[in-house]
Amino acid sequence: VQLQASGGGLVQPGGSLRLACAASESIFSVATMSWYRQAPGKERELVAVVTTGGSTNYADSVKGRFTMSRDNAKNTVYLQMNSLKPEDTAVYFCHAFYVRAYWGQGTQVTVSS
């Protein structure tokens, strides 16, 4: 199983980024997909989840600013991040769960002026 994350970068406060995570076809259709993030010196935290049925949940800190979606035809999930704040700076990880957890490599998001 492979999870390939992309889309990170440097953005100014108030800006937007869209992360993408492409998953192996073998798991995508049955896995709950999530985005986590880890800031320097902090524990990894759950940012957003999307179920196989398309239901989503978000951390309180990103509600109203971040939107997670899944494109089943492309085996890809997205995290649209708007109104970014410096405290959103972190490495963002794609995560899949079906029977066990799978992690992708992280992608760095830096929010700074």
Protein backbone atom coordinates (compact mmCIF):
# COMPACT_ATOMS: atom_id res chain seq x y z
CA VAL A 1 0.00 0.00 0.00
CA GLN A 2 1.35 3.37 -0.98
CA LEU A 3 0.19 6.83 -0.02
CA GLN A 4 1.75 9.67 -1.97
CA ALA A 5 1.17 13.15 -0.56
CA SER A 6 1.84 16.37 -2.42
CA GLY A 7 0.93 20.05 -2.46
CA GLY A 8 2.78 21.49 0.50
CA GLY A 9 4.73 24.71 0.37
CA LEU A 10 5.21 28.19 1.72
CA VAL A 11 2.21 30.51 1.88
CA GLN A 12 1.46 33.82 3.52
CA PRO A 13 -1.07 34.09 6.35
CA GLY A 14 -4.56 34.19 4.92
CA GLY A 15 -3.53 32.23 1.88
CA SER A 16 -4.60 28.83 0.59
CA LEU A 17 -3.05 25.50 -0.30
CA ARG A 18 -4.46 22.21 -1.49
CA LEU A 19 -2.86 18.97 -0.43
CA ALA A 20 -3.42 15.75 -2.34
CA CYS A 21 -2.83 12.14 -1.37
CA ALA A 22 -2.94 9.40 -3.97
CA ALA A 23 -3.53 5.93 -2.58
CA SER A 24 -3.10 2.45 -3.93
CA GLU A 25 -6.22 1.29 -5.69
CA SER A 26 -6.23 -1.86 -3.56
CA ILE A 27 -7.15 0.02 -0.41
CA PHE A 28 -8.69 3.31 -1.34
CA SER A 29 -12.24 2.10 -1.83
CA VAL A 30 -12.44 0.52 1.61
CA ALA A 31 -10.28 2.77 3.76
CA THR A 32 -11.12 5.66 5.99
CA MET A 33 -8.75 8.41 4.95
CA SER A 34 -7.33 11.11 7.18
CA TRP A 35 -4.89 13.96 7.32
CA TYR A 36 -2.69 14.42 10.38
CA ARG A 37 -0.13 17.10 11.08
CA GLN A 38 2.86 17.48 13.33
CA ALA A 39 4.38 20.80 14.26
CA PRO A 40 7.93 21.06 15.64
CA GLY A 41 8.03 19.97 19.25
CA LYS A 42 4.40 18.86 19.24
CA GLU A 43 2.60 15.56 18.97
CA ARG A 44 0.99 14.46 15.75
CA GLU A 45 -2.66 15.49 15.66
CA LEU A 46 -5.67 14.55 13.60
CA VAL A 47 -6.77 17.31 11.23
CA ALA A 48 -9.55 15.80 9.13
CA VAL A 49 -11.20 12.49 8.30
CA VAL A 50 -13.33 11.30 5.41
CA THR A 51 -15.11 7.95 5.48
CA THR A 52 -15.77 5.67 2.52
CA GLY A 53 -19.25 7.15 2.42
CA GLY A 54 -17.94 10.69 2.21
CA SER A 55 -18.72 11.84 5.75
CA THR A 56 -16.16 14.24 7.15
CA ASN A 57 -14.96 15.39 10.54
CA TYR A 58 -12.50 18.10 11.43
CA ALA A 59 -10.39 19.25 14.32
CA ASP A 60 -11.92 22.28 16.00
CA SER A 61 -8.86 24.32 15.08
CA VAL A 62 -9.52 23.95 11.34
CA LYS A 63 -13.31 23.85 11.14
CA GLY A 64 -14.63 26.35 8.65
CA ARG A 65 -11.22 26.76 7.03
CA PHE A 66 -10.22 23.29 5.83
CA THR A 67 -12.22 20.95 3.61
CA MET A 68 -11.36 17.32 3.02
CA SER A 69 -12.74 15.43 0.06
CA ARG A 70 -12.17 12.19 -1.79
CA ASP A 71 -12.23 11.41 -5.49
CA ASN A 72 -12.91 7.72 -5.80
CA ALA A 73 -12.22 7.72 -9.53
CA LYS A 74 -8.68 8.96 -8.91
CA ASN A 75 -8.02 7.13 -5.61
CA THR A 76 -7.10 10.51 -4.20
CA VAL A 77 -8.07 12.59 -1.19
CA TYR A 78 -7.63 16.31 -0.94
CA LEU A 79 -7.30 18.81 1.85
CA GLN A 80 -8.25 22.31 0.79
CA MET A 81 -6.78 24.72 3.32
CA ASN A 82 -8.03 28.30 3.32
CA SER A 83 -7.39 31.27 5.62
CA LEU A 84 -4.13 29.69 6.69
CA LYS A 85 -2.54 30.81 9.94
CA PRO A 86 1.05 30.57 11.17
CA GLU A 87 -0.11 27.95 13.66
CA ASP A 88 -1.06 25.70 10.74
CA THR A 89 2.65 25.31 10.01
CA ALA A 90 3.47 21.62 10.25
CA VAL A 91 4.32 18.51 8.34
CA TYR A 92 1.07 17.06 7.03
CA PHE A 93 0.67 13.29 6.74
CA CYS A 94 -1.81 11.26 4.78
CA HIS A 95 -3.27 8.28 6.66
CA ALA A 96 -5.42 5.35 5.64
CA PHE A 97 -7.11 2.83 7.88
CA TYR A 98 -8.42 -0.55 6.83
CA VAL A 99 -7.68 -3.38 9.23
CA ARG A 100 -4.50 -1.50 10.06
CA ALA A 101 -3.05 1.94 9.68
CA TYR A 102 -1.00 3.11 6.73
CA TRP A 103 1.01 6.32 6.60
CA GLY A 104 2.29 8.34 3.70
CA GLN A 105 5.35 10.51 3.71
CA GLY A 106 4.82 14.01 5.06
CA THR A 107 4.54 17.21 3.13
CA GLN A 108 5.69 20.47 4.69
CA VAL A 109 3.28 23.37 5.01
CA THR A 110 4.76 26.65 6.16
CA VAL A 111 2.59 29.69 6.81
CA SER A 112 4.72 32.78 7.19
CA SER A 113 5.02 36.33 5.97
